Amino acid sequence: MSNITRFDPFTGLSRFDPFWDVDDVMNKFMLRPVLHEGLEKIEPQIKMDVKEADGKYVVKAEIPGVKRDDIHVTVDGNRVSISAEVKHEKEEKEGERVIRSERSYGMASRSFSLADEVDQSKVEAKYTDGVLELTLPKKPGSARKEIPIS
C-alpha cells in the first residue's frame, strides 16, 4: 500500500521571497489551529524586520521568552542564520497531585541572504526584552556592479 501525502499549493511560493512565510499567512487566516490539534501545538516562530542604512543592515528579531544563552547567530558571507531553543513550561498543581502539565520544547530558526557581504569582525548583537538586534556592517569593496550584456 502506498503512502498518501497532502498537497500543499503554497510550498513552491516561499522560494521566491526569503522573508515570505507560509505559516504566517495561515495564522492570519486562522487556518493553522484547524490544521493542527490545538493551539499548544503551534511551533515557535521568529518574526523579524531587516533595514538597510548607512552602509549596514539592522535586523530586529522577536524571540520572546528565550534566554540569551539559547540564541545562536551565524554569519557566513551574506547569509545570516538565527536559531533559538524555545522552552515553555506551565504546571498546575492541586496539593501534591499534578492536575495539568504543559511543556513544549522546540527549535525556532530563520535564515536569509542579504544583497551584500557582511563584515563579520564588526557584527554586533544585543538581546533586550525579547528582541534580538543585529547590526551587520557591509564589507568594504563588496559593492554590486552591473555587467553590460553585449
N, C-alpha and C. Protein backbone atom coordinates (compact mmCIF):
# COMPACT_ATOMS: atom_id res chain seq x y z
N MET A 1 0.84 -1.17 0.00
CA MET A 1 0.00 0.00 0.00
C MET A 1 0.89 1.24 0.00
N SER A 2 0.56 2.24 -0.77
CA SER A 2 1.40 3.43 -0.86
C SER A 2 0.95 4.48 0.17
N ASN A 3 1.88 5.36 0.51
CA ASN A 3 1.58 6.43 1.46
C ASN A 3 0.81 7.54 0.78
N ILE A 4 -0.11 8.12 1.50
CA ILE A 4 -0.89 9.24 0.99
C ILE A 4 -0.29 10.52 1.56
N THR A 5 -0.02 11.48 0.69
CA THR A 5 0.52 12.76 1.14
C THR A 5 -0.45 13.87 0.77
N ARG A 6 -0.49 14.88 1.59
CA ARG A 6 -1.37 16.02 1.37
C ARG A 6 -0.67 17.03 0.47
N PHE A 7 -1.35 17.51 -0.56
CA PHE A 7 -0.79 18.50 -1.48
C PHE A 7 -0.87 19.88 -0.83
N ASP A 8 0.24 20.62 -0.84
CA ASP A 8 0.28 21.96 -0.30
C ASP A 8 0.58 22.93 -1.44
N PRO A 9 -0.41 23.72 -1.89
CA PRO A 9 -0.19 24.61 -3.04
C PRO A 9 0.76 25.77 -2.75
N PHE A 10 1.08 26.04 -1.48
CA PHE A 10 1.93 27.17 -1.12
C PHE A 10 3.40 26.78 -1.00
N THR A 11 3.74 25.52 -1.11
CA THR A 11 5.12 25.06 -0.91
C THR A 11 6.10 25.75 -1.84
N GLY A 12 5.83 25.83 -3.09
CA GLY A 12 6.75 26.41 -4.05
C GLY A 12 6.85 27.93 -4.00
N LEU A 13 5.85 28.59 -3.43
CA LEU A 13 5.84 30.04 -3.42
C LEU A 13 6.88 30.64 -2.49
N SER A 14 7.25 29.96 -1.42
CA SER A 14 8.16 30.54 -0.44
C SER A 14 9.58 30.70 -0.97
N ARG A 15 9.94 30.02 -2.04
CA ARG A 15 11.31 30.13 -2.54
C ARG A 15 11.57 31.43 -3.30
N PHE A 16 10.51 32.16 -3.69
CA PHE A 16 10.70 33.41 -4.41
C PHE A 16 11.08 34.56 -3.50
N ASP A 17 10.58 34.59 -2.29
CA ASP A 17 10.88 35.66 -1.34
C ASP A 17 11.33 35.01 -0.04
N PRO A 18 12.59 35.22 0.37
CA PRO A 18 13.08 34.53 1.56
C PRO A 18 12.41 34.99 2.85
N PHE A 19 11.72 36.14 2.84
CA PHE A 19 11.08 36.63 4.04
C PHE A 19 9.60 36.27 4.10
N TRP A 20 9.05 35.72 3.02
CA TRP A 20 7.65 35.34 2.98
C TRP A 20 7.48 34.02 3.69
N ASP A 21 6.58 33.95 4.62
CA ASP A 21 6.41 32.76 5.44
C ASP A 21 4.99 32.23 5.27
N VAL A 22 4.87 31.03 4.74
CA VAL A 22 3.57 30.41 4.51
C VAL A 22 2.82 30.26 5.83
N ASP A 23 3.54 29.88 6.90
CA ASP A 23 2.89 29.70 8.19
C ASP A 23 2.27 31.00 8.69
N ASP A 24 2.92 32.12 8.41
CA ASP A 24 2.40 33.42 8.82
C ASP A 24 1.07 33.70 8.12
N VAL A 25 0.98 33.39 6.84
CA VAL A 25 -0.26 33.58 6.09
C VAL A 25 -1.36 32.70 6.68
N MET A 26 -1.03 31.46 7.00
CA MET A 26 -2.03 30.55 7.57
C MET A 26 -2.53 31.07 8.92
N ASN A 27 -1.63 31.60 9.74
CA ASN A 27 -2.05 32.14 11.03
C ASN A 27 -3.00 33.31 10.86
N LYS A 28 -2.75 34.17 9.88
CA LYS A 28 -3.60 35.34 9.68
C LYS A 28 -5.01 34.95 9.25
N PHE A 29 -5.16 33.85 8.55
CA PHE A 29 -6.47 33.40 8.11
C PHE A 29 -7.09 32.39 9.07
N MET A 30 -6.42 32.19 10.22
CA MET A 30 -6.91 31.28 11.27
C MET A 30 -7.08 29.85 10.78
N LEU A 31 -6.31 29.44 9.79
CA LEU A 31 -6.39 28.07 9.32
C LEU A 31 -5.48 27.14 10.13
N ARG A 32 -4.44 27.68 10.68
CA ARG A 32 -3.45 26.85 11.37
C ARG A 32 -4.03 26.09 12.56
N PRO A 33 -4.83 26.71 13.45
CA PRO A 33 -5.38 25.93 14.54
C PRO A 33 -6.29 24.80 14.08
N VAL A 34 -6.95 24.98 12.93
CA VAL A 34 -7.80 23.93 12.41
C VAL A 34 -6.95 22.77 11.88
N LEU A 35 -5.82 23.11 11.24
CA LEU A 35 -4.97 22.07 10.69
C LEU A 35 -4.25 21.28 11.77
N HIS A 36 -3.97 21.91 12.89
CA HIS A 36 -3.31 21.22 13.99
C HIS A 36 -4.34 20.90 15.05
N GLU A 37 -3.93 20.12 16.02
CA GLU A 37 -4.88 19.64 17.01
C GLU A 37 -5.11 20.60 18.17
N GLY A 38 -4.57 21.78 18.10
CA GLY A 38 -4.79 22.74 19.17
C GLY A 38 -3.75 23.83 19.14
N LEU A 39 -4.00 24.87 19.89
CA LEU A 39 -3.08 26.00 19.88
C LEU A 39 -1.74 25.66 20.52
N GLU A 40 -1.68 24.66 21.42
CA GLU A 40 -0.43 24.30 22.06
C GLU A 40 0.58 23.73 21.07
N LYS A 41 0.12 23.23 19.96
CA LYS A 41 0.97 22.55 19.00
C LYS A 41 1.66 23.50 18.02
N ILE A 42 1.34 24.79 18.06
CA ILE A 42 1.92 25.73 17.11
C ILE A 42 3.40 25.89 17.40
N GLU A 43 4.22 25.76 16.37
CA GLU A 43 5.66 25.83 16.52
C GLU A 43 6.10 27.25 16.83
N PRO A 44 7.19 27.39 17.58
CA PRO A 44 7.70 28.73 17.86
C PRO A 44 8.21 29.38 16.58
N GLN A 45 8.04 30.69 16.48
CA GLN A 45 8.44 31.41 15.28
C GLN A 45 9.30 32.61 15.65
N ILE A 46 10.14 33.02 14.73
CA ILE A 46 10.95 34.22 14.89
C ILE A 46 10.45 35.24 13.86
N LYS A 47 9.88 36.33 14.35
CA LYS A 47 9.42 37.41 13.47
C LYS A 47 10.52 38.44 13.40
N MET A 48 10.76 39.01 12.21
CA MET A 48 11.86 39.96 12.12
C MET A 48 11.65 41.04 11.09
N ASP A 49 12.40 42.13 11.31
CA ASP A 49 12.47 43.26 10.38
C ASP A 49 13.92 43.41 9.96
N VAL A 50 14.15 43.71 8.68
CA VAL A 50 15.50 43.95 8.18
C VAL A 50 15.50 45.31 7.50
N LYS A 51 16.42 46.17 7.94
CA LYS A 51 16.54 47.51 7.36
C LYS A 51 17.97 47.72 6.89
N GLU A 52 18.14 48.57 5.89
CA GLU A 52 19.45 48.90 5.35
C GLU A 52 19.64 50.41 5.43
N ALA A 53 20.76 50.84 6.05
CA ALA A 53 21.05 52.27 6.16
C ALA A 53 22.51 52.48 6.51
N ASP A 54 23.11 53.52 5.97
CA ASP A 54 24.48 53.94 6.32
C ASP A 54 25.50 52.82 6.22
N GLY A 55 25.45 52.05 5.16
CA GLY A 55 26.44 51.01 4.94
C GLY A 55 26.33 49.81 5.86
N LYS A 56 25.14 49.59 6.43
CA LYS A 56 24.95 48.43 7.30
C LYS A 56 23.50 47.96 7.24
N TYR A 57 23.31 46.73 7.69
CA TYR A 57 21.97 46.18 7.83
C TYR A 57 21.65 46.12 9.32
N VAL A 58 20.39 46.39 9.65
CA VAL A 58 19.94 46.27 11.03
C VAL A 58 18.78 45.29 11.04
N VAL A 59 18.94 44.22 11.82
CA VAL A 59 17.92 43.17 11.91
C VAL A 59 17.36 43.20 13.32
N LYS A 60 16.03 43.25 13.43
CA LYS A 60 15.36 43.13 14.72
C LYS A 60 14.49 41.88 14.66
N ALA A 61 14.79 40.94 15.54
CA ALA A 61 14.08 39.66 15.55
C ALA A 61 13.39 39.48 16.90
N GLU A 62 12.10 39.19 16.88
CA GLU A 62 11.35 38.93 18.10
C GLU A 62 11.51 37.47 18.50
N ILE A 63 12.11 37.27 19.66
CA ILE A 63 12.27 35.92 20.20
C ILE A 63 11.89 35.99 21.68
N PRO A 64 10.61 36.14 21.99
CA PRO A 64 10.21 36.32 23.39
C PRO A 64 10.33 35.05 24.21
N GLY A 65 10.65 35.22 25.49
CA GLY A 65 10.69 34.11 26.42
C GLY A 65 11.88 33.18 26.26
N VAL A 66 12.93 33.63 25.59
CA VAL A 66 14.11 32.80 25.36
C VAL A 66 15.29 33.42 26.11
N LYS A 67 16.10 32.58 26.73
CA LYS A 67 17.29 33.08 27.41
C LYS A 67 18.36 33.45 26.39
N ARG A 68 19.17 34.43 26.76
CA ARG A 68 20.24 34.92 25.89
C ARG A 68 21.18 33.78 25.46
N ASP A 69 21.46 32.86 26.38
CA ASP A 69 22.38 31.75 26.08
C ASP A 69 21.81 30.74 25.10
N ASP A 70 20.50 30.75 24.90
CA ASP A 70 19.86 29.78 24.00
C ASP A 70 19.70 30.31 22.57
N ILE A 71 20.23 31.51 22.30
CA ILE A 71 20.14 32.10 20.96
C ILE A 71 21.50 31.98 20.28
N HIS A 72 21.48 31.56 19.02
CA HIS A 72 22.71 31.39 18.25
C HIS A 72 22.56 32.12 16.91
N VAL A 73 23.57 32.94 16.59
CA VAL A 73 23.59 33.69 15.34
C VAL A 73 24.87 33.35 14.59
N THR A 74 24.74 33.02 13.30
CA THR A 74 25.91 32.77 12.47
C THR A 74 25.81 33.64 11.21
N VAL A 75 26.97 34.14 10.79
CA VAL A 75 27.06 34.95 9.58
C VAL A 75 28.13 34.33 8.70
N ASP A 76 27.76 34.00 7.48
CA ASP A 76 28.70 33.42 6.52
C ASP A 76 28.55 34.17 5.20
N GLY A 77 29.44 35.14 4.97
CA GLY A 77 29.35 35.96 3.76
C GLY A 77 28.14 36.86 3.83
N ASN A 78 27.15 36.59 2.99
CA ASN A 78 25.91 37.38 3.01
C ASN A 78 24.75 36.58 3.60
N ARG A 79 25.02 35.40 4.14
CA ARG A 79 23.99 34.51 4.70
C ARG A 79 23.96 34.66 6.22
N VAL A 80 22.79 34.94 6.77
CA VAL A 80 22.62 35.11 8.21
C VAL A 80 21.63 34.06 8.70
N SER A 81 21.99 33.39 9.80
CA SER A 81 21.11 32.39 10.40
C SER A 81 20.92 32.71 11.88
N ILE A 82 19.67 32.67 12.31
CA ILE A 82 19.32 32.88 13.72
C ILE A 82 18.57 31.65 14.18
N SER A 83 18.99 31.07 15.30
CA SER A 83 18.28 29.93 15.86
C SER A 83 18.16 30.11 17.37
N ALA A 84 17.10 29.57 17.94
CA ALA A 84 16.87 29.69 19.38
C ALA A 84 16.17 28.45 19.89
N GLU A 85 16.58 28.02 21.08
CA GLU A 85 15.92 26.90 21.73
C GLU A 85 14.82 27.47 22.61
N VAL A 86 13.58 27.11 22.31
CA VAL A 86 12.42 27.67 22.99
C VAL A 86 11.89 26.64 23.98
N LYS A 87 11.70 27.09 25.23
CA LYS A 87 11.16 26.21 26.29
C LYS A 87 10.00 26.93 26.95
N HIS A 88 8.85 26.30 26.96
CA HIS A 88 7.69 26.84 27.67
C HIS A 88 7.22 25.78 28.65
N GLU A 89 7.12 26.17 29.91
CA GLU A 89 6.64 25.23 30.92
C GLU A 89 5.52 25.88 31.71
N LYS A 90 4.47 25.12 31.91
CA LYS A 90 3.34 25.59 32.70
C LYS A 90 2.79 24.38 33.43
N GLU A 91 2.70 24.49 34.74
CA GLU A 91 2.24 23.35 35.53
C GLU A 91 1.21 23.82 36.54
N GLU A 92 0.09 23.14 36.59
CA GLU A 92 -0.95 23.46 37.56
C GLU A 92 -1.03 22.31 38.56
N LYS A 93 -0.92 22.65 39.85
CA LYS A 93 -0.94 21.61 40.89
C LYS A 93 -2.09 21.84 41.85
N GLU A 94 -2.57 20.75 42.37
CA GLU A 94 -3.55 20.76 43.45
C GLU A 94 -2.99 19.88 44.54
N GLY A 95 -2.45 20.51 45.57
CA GLY A 95 -1.82 19.72 46.63
C GLY A 95 -0.56 19.07 46.10
N GLU A 96 -0.44 17.77 46.22
CA GLU A 96 0.72 17.03 45.72
C GLU A 96 0.46 16.38 44.37
N ARG A 97 -0.77 16.39 43.93
CA ARG A 97 -1.13 15.73 42.69
C ARG A 97 -1.06 16.73 41.53
N VAL A 98 -0.37 16.41 40.46
CA VAL A 98 -0.30 17.27 39.29
C VAL A 98 -1.57 17.07 38.47
N ILE A 99 -2.30 18.15 38.31
CA ILE A 99 -3.56 18.10 37.57
C ILE A 99 -3.32 18.30 36.08
N ARG A 100 -2.42 19.20 35.77
CA ARG A 100 -2.17 19.52 34.37
C ARG A 100 -0.72 19.96 34.21
N SER A 101 -0.07 19.50 33.17
CA SER A 101 1.31 19.88 32.90
C SER A 101 1.45 20.14 31.40
N GLU A 102 1.83 21.36 31.04
CA GLU A 102 2.02 21.71 29.64
C GLU A 102 3.46 22.13 29.45
N ARG A 103 4.19 21.38 28.69
CA ARG A 103 5.58 21.69 28.41
C ARG A 103 5.80 21.56 26.92
N SER A 104 6.47 22.54 26.39
CA SER A 104 6.82 22.44 24.98
C SER A 104 8.25 22.90 24.81
N TYR A 105 8.98 22.14 24.06
CA TYR A 105 10.36 22.45 23.75
C TYR A 105 10.49 22.42 22.24
N GLY A 106 11.27 23.29 21.72
CA GLY A 106 11.44 23.28 20.28
C GLY A 106 12.56 24.19 19.85
N MET A 107 12.82 24.15 18.57
CA MET A 107 13.86 24.97 17.98
C MET A 107 13.21 25.87 16.95
N ALA A 108 13.47 27.15 17.06
CA ALA A 108 12.99 28.11 16.07
C ALA A 108 14.20 28.63 15.32
N SER A 109 14.08 28.77 14.01
CA SER A 109 15.23 29.26 13.24
C SER A 109 14.76 30.01 12.01
N ARG A 110 15.58 30.96 11.59
CA ARG A 110 15.37 31.72 10.36
C ARG A 110 16.73 31.90 9.70
N SER A 111 16.77 31.79 8.41
CA SER A 111 17.97 32.05 7.63
C SER A 111 17.58 32.89 6.43
N PHE A 112 18.46 33.82 6.06
CA PHE A 112 18.18 34.66 4.91
C PHE A 112 19.48 35.16 4.32
N SER A 113 19.41 35.60 3.07
CA SER A 113 20.58 36.14 2.37
C SER A 113 20.39 37.63 2.16
N LEU A 114 21.48 38.38 2.35
CA LEU A 114 21.48 39.82 2.12
C LEU A 114 22.10 40.12 0.77
N ALA A 115 21.89 41.31 0.27
CA ALA A 115 22.41 41.68 -1.05
C ALA A 115 23.94 41.82 -1.03
N ASP A 116 24.52 42.25 0.09
CA ASP A 116 25.96 42.46 0.19
C ASP A 116 26.53 41.56 1.28
N GLU A 117 27.84 41.30 1.18
CA GLU A 117 28.52 40.52 2.21
C GLU A 117 28.66 41.35 3.47
N VAL A 118 28.71 40.65 4.60
CA VAL A 118 28.78 41.29 5.91
C VAL A 118 30.21 41.20 6.44
N ASP A 119 30.68 42.30 7.04
CA ASP A 119 31.99 42.32 7.68
C ASP A 119 31.84 41.64 9.05
N GLN A 120 32.22 40.38 9.14
CA GLN A 120 31.97 39.56 10.33
C GLN A 120 32.69 40.07 11.57
N SER A 121 33.81 40.78 11.39
CA SER A 121 34.57 41.26 12.54
C SER A 121 33.89 42.43 13.25
N LYS A 122 32.90 43.07 12.61
CA LYS A 122 32.24 44.24 13.19
C LYS A 122 30.78 44.01 13.52
N VAL A 123 30.34 42.78 13.48
CA VAL A 123 28.94 42.46 13.78
C VAL A 123 28.68 42.66 15.27
N GLU A 124 27.53 43.28 15.59
CA GLU A 124 27.12 43.49 16.97
C GLU A 124 25.76 42.86 17.19
N ALA A 125 25.55 42.29 18.38
CA ALA A 125 24.26 41.67 18.72
C ALA A 125 23.86 42.06 20.13
N LYS A 126 22.59 42.50 20.30
CA LYS A 126 22.04 42.84 21.61
C LYS A 126 20.70 42.14 21.75
N TYR A 127 20.42 41.64 22.96
CA TYR A 127 19.15 40.99 23.23
C TYR A 127 18.51 41.67 24.44
N THR A 128 17.41 42.40 24.19
CA THR A 128 16.73 43.14 25.24
C THR A 128 15.23 42.95 25.10
N ASP A 129 14.58 42.60 26.21
CA ASP A 129 13.11 42.49 26.27
C ASP A 129 12.54 41.62 25.15
N GLY A 130 13.19 40.51 24.86
CA GLY A 130 12.68 39.57 23.87
C GLY A 130 12.97 39.93 22.43
N VAL A 131 13.76 40.99 22.20
CA VAL A 131 14.08 41.41 20.84
C VAL A 131 15.59 41.34 20.63
N LEU A 132 16.00 40.57 19.64
CA LEU A 132 17.41 40.48 19.26
C LEU A 132 17.67 41.52 18.18
N GLU A 133 18.66 42.38 18.42
CA GLU A 133 19.02 43.40 17.43
C GLU A 133 20.43 43.12 16.93
N LEU A 134 20.54 42.89 15.62
CA LEU A 134 21.84 42.65 14.98
C LEU A 134 22.21 43.86 14.14
N THR A 135 23.44 44.30 14.27
CA THR A 135 23.98 45.34 13.40
C THR A 135 25.03 44.67 12.53
N LEU A 136 24.77 44.63 11.23
CA LEU A 136 25.61 43.89 10.29
C LEU A 136 26.23 44.87 9.28
N PRO A 137 27.44 45.36 9.56
CA PRO A 137 28.08 46.29 8.61
C PRO A 137 28.44 45.59 7.31
N LYS A 138 28.28 46.31 6.21
CA LYS A 138 28.64 45.75 4.90
C LYS A 138 30.15 45.68 4.77
N LYS A 139 30.62 44.68 4.09
CA LYS A 139 32.05 44.53 3.85
C LYS A 139 32.49 45.56 2.82
N PRO A 140 33.60 46.29 3.10
CA PRO A 140 34.05 47.29 2.14
C PRO A 140 34.49 46.64 0.83
N GLY A 141 34.18 47.31 -0.26
CA GLY A 141 34.59 46.79 -1.58
C GLY A 141 33.68 45.72 -2.13
N SER A 142 32.54 45.50 -1.48
CA SER A 142 31.63 44.46 -1.99
C SER A 142 30.44 45.07 -2.70
N ALA A 143 30.64 46.25 -3.27
CA ALA A 143 29.55 46.93 -3.98
C ALA A 143 29.18 46.13 -5.23
N ARG A 144 27.93 46.17 -5.56
CA ARG A 144 27.45 45.47 -6.74
C ARG A 144 27.84 46.22 -8.00
N LYS A 145 28.14 45.49 -9.01
CA LYS A 145 28.49 46.09 -10.29
C LYS A 145 27.63 45.45 -11.35
N GLU A 146 26.93 46.27 -12.12
CA GLU A 146 26.10 45.75 -13.18
C GLU A 146 26.97 45.52 -14.43
N ILE A 147 26.86 44.37 -14.99
CA ILE A 147 27.65 43.98 -16.15
C ILE A 147 26.81 44.21 -17.41
N PRO A 148 27.31 45.01 -18.37
CA PRO A 148 26.55 45.20 -19.61
C PRO A 148 26.55 43.92 -20.44
N ILE A 149 25.46 43.66 -21.07
CA ILE A 149 25.31 42.45 -21.90
C ILE A 149 25.45 42.88 -23.36
N SER A 150 26.36 42.20 -24.05
CA SER A 150 26.56 42.55 -25.48
C SER A 150 25.82 41.61 -26.38
